[in-house]
Amino acid sequence: MTFAPKGSSVHEDTEYFRASTTLQKDIFRTLLYFDIFDHPLNAAEIHAFLPSNSTTVGEITAACASMPLSFLISHRDGLFFVSRNSGDLLRERLRKERRAQWYWLIARIMGTIIRMFPFVRGVFISGELSKGVMTHRGDIDFFVVTANGRLWVTRTLLILFKKLFLLNSKKFFCLNHFVTENYLDVTERNLFTAMEIATLKPIDNSEFLRTYVSHNLWIKDYLPNLGDREVFPESSHRSNFLQEFLEFPLKGKIGDRLDEYLLSFWKGIWRKRYAHFPAEKRNELFRTEPFLSTAYGGDFLTRILEEYNRRLSVHGLDLRPSND
């Protein structure tokens, strides 16, 4: 599937890009990435997610209205997009924004519950809700920070809560990413990961989120303008009596041994449940470390980056703008 304008060919698109400015190419790169999610952007959002700086929202609007980029993209009601089905895209974005407002209410309730569990030190929203939208089949994705050395205790308690009280439904309680307080430097550096880090939204402990982002300033290689856009809502973490009471018996060696046991237990679960994956791929999707837990069975990151690179290649573009 390609995204050439009606009446043109991919070859003609490539020819048009030879006459494009660097800014126009970067705008198209940005729109092309979000087109994977059928998500049009306004000029301010394009600026925030642009792979280059030294520009303004006004300059982006002017570049979108100028040839040859104006021939390659569409513009309606303040939104820009690559795909041709403009009416459907715009209506769906409005529906997703309205749905997200309702999901945010649920996310705050669930986030408040999560923050009361033993050794939870921060709760953030990731995924599509962190971008202000929610599809009909979407989940509320939580990014949970735990005390050092207690990640697997915390994760297991939260999974038990989900199974016992939420009938194992992940619709409003998707727990796919845990880190400890001392795990600050992300080693998997790519556009998708940069987007996810840059758009995390705090429910609890915005101070940790600032620290986390400050330790991953490599995201500015991909999204140099985000620092001008993101203002985290203030939310400090305060322990409560119930949390302190439940943590007390697990603070010493008993807690250390239990966390080590649960780490080993979950490694065995992933190994049996996903035996069809090669060991290297399984370890990549289900990170099981004392300081990190991820569970992405659908390999979303790889699929998105492969599709993005395919679309860039179709239009004769590189991933990074520095080679233009």
Protein backbone atom coordinates (compact mmCIF):
# COMPACT_ATOMS: atom_id res chain seq x y z
CA MET A 1 0.00 0.00 0.00
CA THR A 2 1.41 3.38 -0.99
CA PHE A 3 0.26 6.91 -0.35
CA ALA A 4 0.78 8.77 -3.59
CA PRO A 5 -1.61 11.66 -4.23
CA LYS A 6 -4.53 10.93 -6.48
CA GLY A 7 -3.41 11.09 -10.10
CA SER A 8 0.29 10.76 -9.30
CA SER A 9 2.74 7.90 -8.94
CA VAL A 10 5.32 7.06 -6.31
CA HIS A 11 8.01 7.88 -8.88
CA GLU A 12 6.49 11.33 -9.33
CA ASP A 13 6.45 11.79 -5.53
CA THR A 14 10.17 11.08 -5.43
CA GLU A 15 10.74 13.61 -8.19
CA TYR A 16 8.76 16.20 -6.23
CA PHE A 17 10.92 15.60 -3.15
CA ARG A 18 14.03 16.60 -5.08
CA ALA A 19 12.60 20.11 -5.19
CA SER A 20 11.46 20.09 -1.56
CA THR A 21 13.17 22.01 1.19
CA THR A 22 14.70 20.16 4.14
CA LEU A 23 11.85 21.42 6.32
CA GLN A 24 9.24 20.06 3.90
CA LYS A 25 10.94 16.66 3.90
CA ASP A 26 11.00 16.62 7.69
CA ILE A 27 7.32 17.55 7.83
CA PHE A 28 6.52 14.70 5.47
CA ARG A 29 8.61 12.29 7.58
CA THR A 30 6.58 13.27 10.63
CA LEU A 31 3.21 12.96 8.91
CA LEU A 32 4.26 9.64 7.41
CA TYR A 33 5.04 8.20 10.85
CA PHE A 34 1.67 9.19 12.30
CA ASP A 35 -0.10 8.05 9.16
CA ILE A 36 0.73 4.50 10.27
CA PHE A 37 -1.76 5.13 13.08
CA ASP A 38 -4.25 7.00 10.84
CA HIS A 39 -3.59 10.07 12.95
CA PRO A 40 -3.55 13.54 11.32
CA LEU A 41 -1.59 16.30 13.05
CA ASN A 42 -2.02 20.04 13.50
CA ALA A 43 0.91 22.41 12.90
CA ALA A 44 1.86 22.57 16.60
CA GLU A 45 1.99 18.78 16.81
CA ILE A 46 4.10 18.58 13.65
CA HIS A 47 6.50 21.05 15.25
CA ALA A 48 6.66 19.00 18.46
CA PHE A 49 7.45 15.74 16.66
CA LEU A 50 9.62 17.17 13.89
CA PRO A 51 13.07 15.55 13.52
CA SER A 52 14.74 18.98 13.24
CA ASN A 53 14.59 22.31 15.06
CA SER A 54 15.31 25.94 14.10
CA THR A 55 11.78 26.49 12.90
CA THR A 56 8.42 27.75 14.14
CA VAL A 57 4.82 26.63 13.95
CA GLY A 58 4.14 29.45 11.49
CA GLU A 59 6.97 28.33 9.21
CA ILE A 60 5.61 24.79 9.30
CA THR A 61 2.16 25.99 8.26
CA ALA A 62 3.68 28.00 5.43
CA ALA A 63 5.80 25.04 4.28
CA CYS A 64 2.73 22.79 4.21
CA ALA A 65 0.91 25.31 2.03
CA SER A 66 3.83 25.61 -0.41
CA MET A 67 4.70 23.44 -3.40
CA PRO A 68 5.71 20.71 -3.72
CA LEU A 69 4.61 19.58 -0.23
CA SER A 70 1.10 20.99 -0.67
CA PHE A 71 0.67 18.55 -3.57
CA LEU A 72 1.75 15.56 -1.49
CA ILE A 73 -0.33 16.10 1.65
CA SER A 74 -3.86 17.18 2.52
CA HIS A 75 -5.07 19.92 4.84
CA ARG A 76 -8.48 20.30 6.38
CA ASP A 77 -9.84 21.92 9.56
CA GLY A 78 -6.33 22.74 10.76
CA LEU A 79 -5.07 19.16 10.38
CA PHE A 80 -2.48 17.79 7.96
CA PHE A 81 -2.22 14.20 6.75
CA VAL A 82 -0.89 11.94 4.02
CA SER A 83 -3.75 9.52 3.50
CA ARG A 84 -6.48 10.32 1.04
CA ASN A 85 -9.62 9.45 3.07
CA SER A 86 -9.66 12.84 4.76
CA GLY A 87 -13.24 12.86 6.01
CA ASP A 88 -12.93 9.50 7.76
CA LEU A 89 -9.60 10.43 9.32
CA LEU A 90 -10.83 13.73 10.71
CA ARG A 91 -14.04 12.26 12.12
CA GLU A 92 -12.13 9.38 13.68
CA ARG A 93 -9.63 11.71 15.32
CA LEU A 94 -12.47 13.64 16.96
CA ARG A 95 -14.04 10.38 18.13
CA LYS A 96 -10.70 9.20 19.55
CA GLU A 97 -10.20 12.52 21.37
CA ARG A 98 -13.68 12.33 22.94
CA ARG A 99 -13.11 8.71 23.93
CA ALA A 100 -9.76 9.64 25.47
CA GLN A 101 -11.42 12.11 27.84
CA TRP A 102 -13.50 9.29 29.31
CA TYR A 103 -10.53 6.93 29.46
CA TRP A 104 -8.46 9.55 31.29
CA LEU A 105 -11.02 9.56 34.11
CA ILE A 106 -10.67 5.79 34.40
CA ALA A 107 -6.87 6.00 34.12
CA ARG A 108 -6.68 8.40 37.06
CA ILE A 109 -8.82 6.10 39.19
CA MET A 110 -6.78 3.04 38.27
CA GLY A 111 -3.54 4.98 38.68
CA THR A 112 -4.57 6.01 42.18
CA ILE A 113 -5.18 2.34 43.03
CA ILE A 114 -1.79 1.33 41.59
CA ARG A 115 0.12 3.97 43.54
CA MET A 116 -1.20 2.49 46.83
CA PHE A 117 0.43 -0.90 46.20
CA PRO A 118 3.61 -1.81 48.07
CA PHE A 119 6.82 -0.35 46.65
CA VAL A 120 5.14 1.65 43.86
CA ARG A 121 7.05 4.91 43.45
CA GLY A 122 5.54 6.34 40.27
CA VAL A 123 2.70 5.79 37.80
CA PHE A 124 2.63 7.12 34.24
CA ILE A 125 0.44 6.70 31.19
CA SER A 126 2.01 5.54 27.94
CA GLY A 127 0.65 4.33 24.60
CA GLU A 128 -2.04 6.09 22.62
CA LEU A 129 -3.79 7.66 25.62
CA SER A 130 -0.59 9.60 26.36
CA LYS A 131 -1.02 11.18 22.92
CA GLY A 132 -4.55 12.34 23.78
CA VAL A 133 -6.49 9.75 21.78
CA MET A 134 -7.98 6.31 22.29
CA THR A 135 -9.16 3.82 19.67
CA HIS A 136 -12.21 1.67 20.23
CA ARG A 137 -10.11 -1.41 20.98
CA GLY A 138 -7.36 0.40 22.84
CA ASP A 139 -6.06 -0.29 26.35
CA ILE A 140 -4.89 2.00 29.12
CA ASP A 141 -1.15 1.37 29.25
CA PHE A 142 0.56 1.96 32.59
CA PHE A 143 4.27 2.58 33.07
CA VAL A 144 5.06 1.74 36.72
CA VAL A 145 8.12 2.74 38.75
CA THR A 146 8.97 0.58 41.77
CA ALA A 147 11.42 0.74 44.64
CA ASN A 148 14.83 -0.73 43.89
CA GLY A 149 14.94 -4.47 44.40
CA ARG A 150 11.17 -4.89 44.63
CA LEU A 151 10.02 -4.74 41.02
CA TRP A 152 8.92 -8.36 40.82
CA VAL A 153 7.10 -8.28 44.14
CA THR A 154 5.16 -5.22 42.99
CA ARG A 155 4.47 -6.58 39.54
CA THR A 156 3.18 -9.89 40.89
CA LEU A 157 0.85 -8.19 43.36
CA LEU A 158 -0.59 -5.98 40.63
CA ILE A 159 -1.07 -8.94 38.27
CA LEU A 160 -2.86 -10.84 41.05
CA PHE A 161 -5.12 -7.82 41.61
CA LYS A 162 -5.93 -7.73 37.90
CA LYS A 163 -6.73 -11.46 37.80
CA LEU A 164 -8.80 -11.53 40.99
CA PHE A 165 -10.69 -8.24 40.82
CA LEU A 166 -10.67 -7.27 37.14
CA LEU A 167 -11.21 -10.78 35.73
CA ASN A 168 -7.78 -10.54 34.08
CA SER A 169 -9.02 -7.80 31.75
CA LYS A 170 -6.30 -5.45 30.52
CA LYS A 171 -8.72 -2.96 28.93
CA PHE A 172 -8.34 -0.45 31.76
CA PHE A 173 -5.32 -2.03 33.46
CA CYS A 174 -2.59 -2.92 30.98
CA LEU A 175 0.67 -3.42 32.89
CA ASN A 176 3.39 -3.92 30.30
CA HIS A 177 6.30 -1.78 31.53
CA PHE A 178 7.97 -1.64 34.95
CA VAL A 179 11.25 0.00 35.95
CA THR A 180 12.98 0.55 39.28
CA GLU A 181 13.95 3.97 40.61
CA ASN A 182 17.60 3.46 39.69
CA TYR A 183 16.93 2.35 36.10
CA LEU A 184 17.18 5.64 34.25
CA ASP A 185 19.20 5.08 31.08
CA VAL A 186 17.25 3.44 28.25
CA THR A 187 19.53 1.47 25.93
CA GLU A 188 17.02 0.76 23.14
CA ARG A 189 17.34 3.99 21.18
CA ASN A 190 15.07 4.51 18.20
CA LEU A 191 12.25 6.78 17.06
CA PHE A 192 9.47 4.66 18.54
CA THR A 193 11.10 4.52 21.98
CA ALA A 194 11.86 8.25 21.84
CA MET A 195 8.19 8.98 21.09
CA GLU A 196 7.05 6.84 24.00
CA ILE A 197 9.44 8.41 26.50
CA ALA A 198 8.72 11.95 25.35
CA THR A 199 4.94 11.53 25.59
CA LEU A 200 4.71 9.77 28.97
CA LYS A 201 2.12 11.47 31.19
CA PRO A 202 2.40 11.36 34.99
CA ILE A 203 -0.39 10.30 37.29
CA ASP A 204 1.98 10.03 40.22
CA ASN A 205 5.54 11.38 40.74
CA SER A 206 6.19 13.87 37.96
CA GLU A 207 9.59 14.58 39.54
CA PHE A 208 10.81 11.09 38.65
CA LEU A 209 9.55 11.57 35.10
CA ARG A 210 11.62 14.75 34.77
CA THR A 211 14.66 12.86 36.01
CA TYR A 212 13.95 9.94 33.69
CA VAL A 213 13.70 12.22 30.65
CA SER A 214 16.82 14.15 31.67
CA HIS A 215 18.78 10.87 31.69
CA ASN A 216 17.58 10.08 28.18
CA LEU A 217 18.36 13.29 26.33
CA TRP A 218 19.23 11.17 23.30
CA ILE A 219 15.52 11.47 22.46
CA LYS A 220 16.32 15.00 21.30
CA ASP A 221 18.28 13.44 18.42
CA TYR A 222 14.89 12.30 17.14
CA LEU A 223 12.58 14.95 18.64
CA PRO A 224 14.59 18.12 19.26
CA ASN A 225 11.54 20.36 19.76
CA LEU A 226 9.82 18.43 22.51
CA GLY A 227 11.60 20.30 25.27
CA ASP A 228 9.72 23.41 24.20
CA ARG A 229 6.38 21.64 24.39
CA GLU A 230 6.26 19.30 27.35
CA VAL A 231 5.20 20.69 30.72
CA PHE A 232 4.55 17.91 33.17
CA PRO A 233 1.61 18.37 35.54
CA GLU A 234 2.79 18.47 39.12
CA SER A 235 2.21 15.20 40.98
CA SER A 236 4.41 14.15 43.87
CA HIS A 237 4.57 10.67 45.35
CA ARG A 238 3.49 10.44 48.97
CA SER A 239 3.46 7.11 50.72
CA ASN A 240 0.34 6.21 52.70
CA PHE A 241 -0.15 4.24 55.88
CA LEU A 242 -1.46 1.14 54.07
CA GLN A 243 1.49 1.14 51.68
CA GLU A 244 4.02 1.51 54.49
CA PHE A 245 2.28 -1.20 56.52
CA LEU A 246 2.37 -3.69 53.62
CA GLU A 247 6.00 -2.85 52.78
CA PHE A 248 7.34 -3.29 56.30
CA PRO A 249 7.65 -7.13 56.40
CA LEU A 250 9.26 -7.18 52.92
CA LYS A 251 11.95 -4.57 53.39
CA GLY A 252 14.73 -6.90 54.48
CA LYS A 253 16.26 -10.15 53.29
CA ILE A 254 12.85 -11.84 53.04
CA GLY A 255 11.84 -9.27 50.45
CA ASP A 256 15.15 -9.65 48.61
CA ARG A 257 14.74 -13.41 48.33
CA LEU A 258 11.09 -13.15 47.34
CA ASP A 259 11.89 -10.68 44.56
CA GLU A 260 14.65 -12.96 43.23
CA TYR A 261 12.30 -15.93 43.31
CA LEU A 262 9.52 -14.08 41.49
CA LEU A 263 11.96 -12.88 38.81
CA SER A 264 12.94 -16.51 38.18
CA PHE A 265 9.28 -17.57 38.30
CA TRP A 266 8.26 -15.09 35.59
CA LYS A 267 11.20 -16.06 33.41
CA GLY A 268 9.85 -19.60 33.49
CA ILE A 269 6.33 -18.38 32.66
CA TRP A 270 7.53 -16.50 29.57
CA ARG A 271 9.67 -19.44 28.50
CA LYS A 272 6.72 -21.88 28.61
CA ARG A 273 4.03 -19.53 27.31
CA TYR A 274 6.10 -18.25 24.39
CA ALA A 275 8.17 -21.32 23.59
CA HIS A 276 7.45 -20.74 19.87
CA PHE A 277 9.68 -17.62 19.96
CA PRO A 278 13.44 -18.00 19.53
CA ALA A 279 15.14 -17.37 22.88
CA GLU A 280 16.73 -14.13 21.67
CA LYS A 281 13.41 -12.69 20.46
CA ARG A 282 11.60 -13.83 23.61
CA ASN A 283 14.19 -12.15 25.81
CA GLU A 284 13.82 -8.98 23.75
CA LEU A 285 10.03 -8.85 24.06
CA PHE A 286 9.81 -10.02 27.67
CA ARG A 287 12.64 -8.27 29.47
CA THR A 288 13.05 -9.95 32.84
CA GLU A 289 15.72 -8.11 34.80
CA PRO A 290 15.96 -7.05 38.45
CA PHE A 291 15.44 -3.44 37.30
CA LEU A 292 13.19 -3.83 34.22
CA SER A 293 10.13 -5.76 33.09
CA THR A 294 8.50 -5.48 29.67
CA ALA A 295 5.82 -7.64 28.11
CA TYR A 296 5.18 -6.86 24.44
CA GLY A 297 4.03 -10.12 22.88
CA GLY A 298 2.89 -8.40 19.69
CA ASP A 299 6.37 -7.01 18.94
CA PHE A 300 4.76 -3.64 18.24
CA LEU A 301 8.02 -1.70 18.15
CA THR A 302 9.57 -3.81 15.40
CA ARG A 303 6.43 -3.80 13.27
CA ILE A 304 6.01 -0.02 13.50
CA LEU A 305 9.64 0.77 12.68
CA GLU A 306 9.68 -1.68 9.78
CA GLU A 307 6.50 -0.16 8.35
CA TYR A 308 7.84 3.36 8.81
CA ASN A 309 11.10 2.53 7.07
CA ARG A 310 9.16 0.89 4.26
CA ARG A 311 7.08 4.02 3.71
CA LEU A 312 10.13 6.25 3.83
CA SER A 313 11.83 4.04 1.26
CA VAL A 314 8.79 4.17 -1.02
CA HIS A 315 9.11 7.96 -1.10
CA GLY A 316 12.89 7.96 -1.43
CA LEU A 317 13.50 9.31 2.07
CA ASP A 318 15.91 8.31 4.84
CA LEU A 319 14.99 7.87 8.48
CA ARG A 320 17.24 10.69 9.64
CA PRO A 321 17.22 14.15 8.05
CA SER A 322 20.96 14.74 8.36
CA ASN A 323 21.69 13.16 4.98
CA ASP A 324 19.44 15.53 3.03
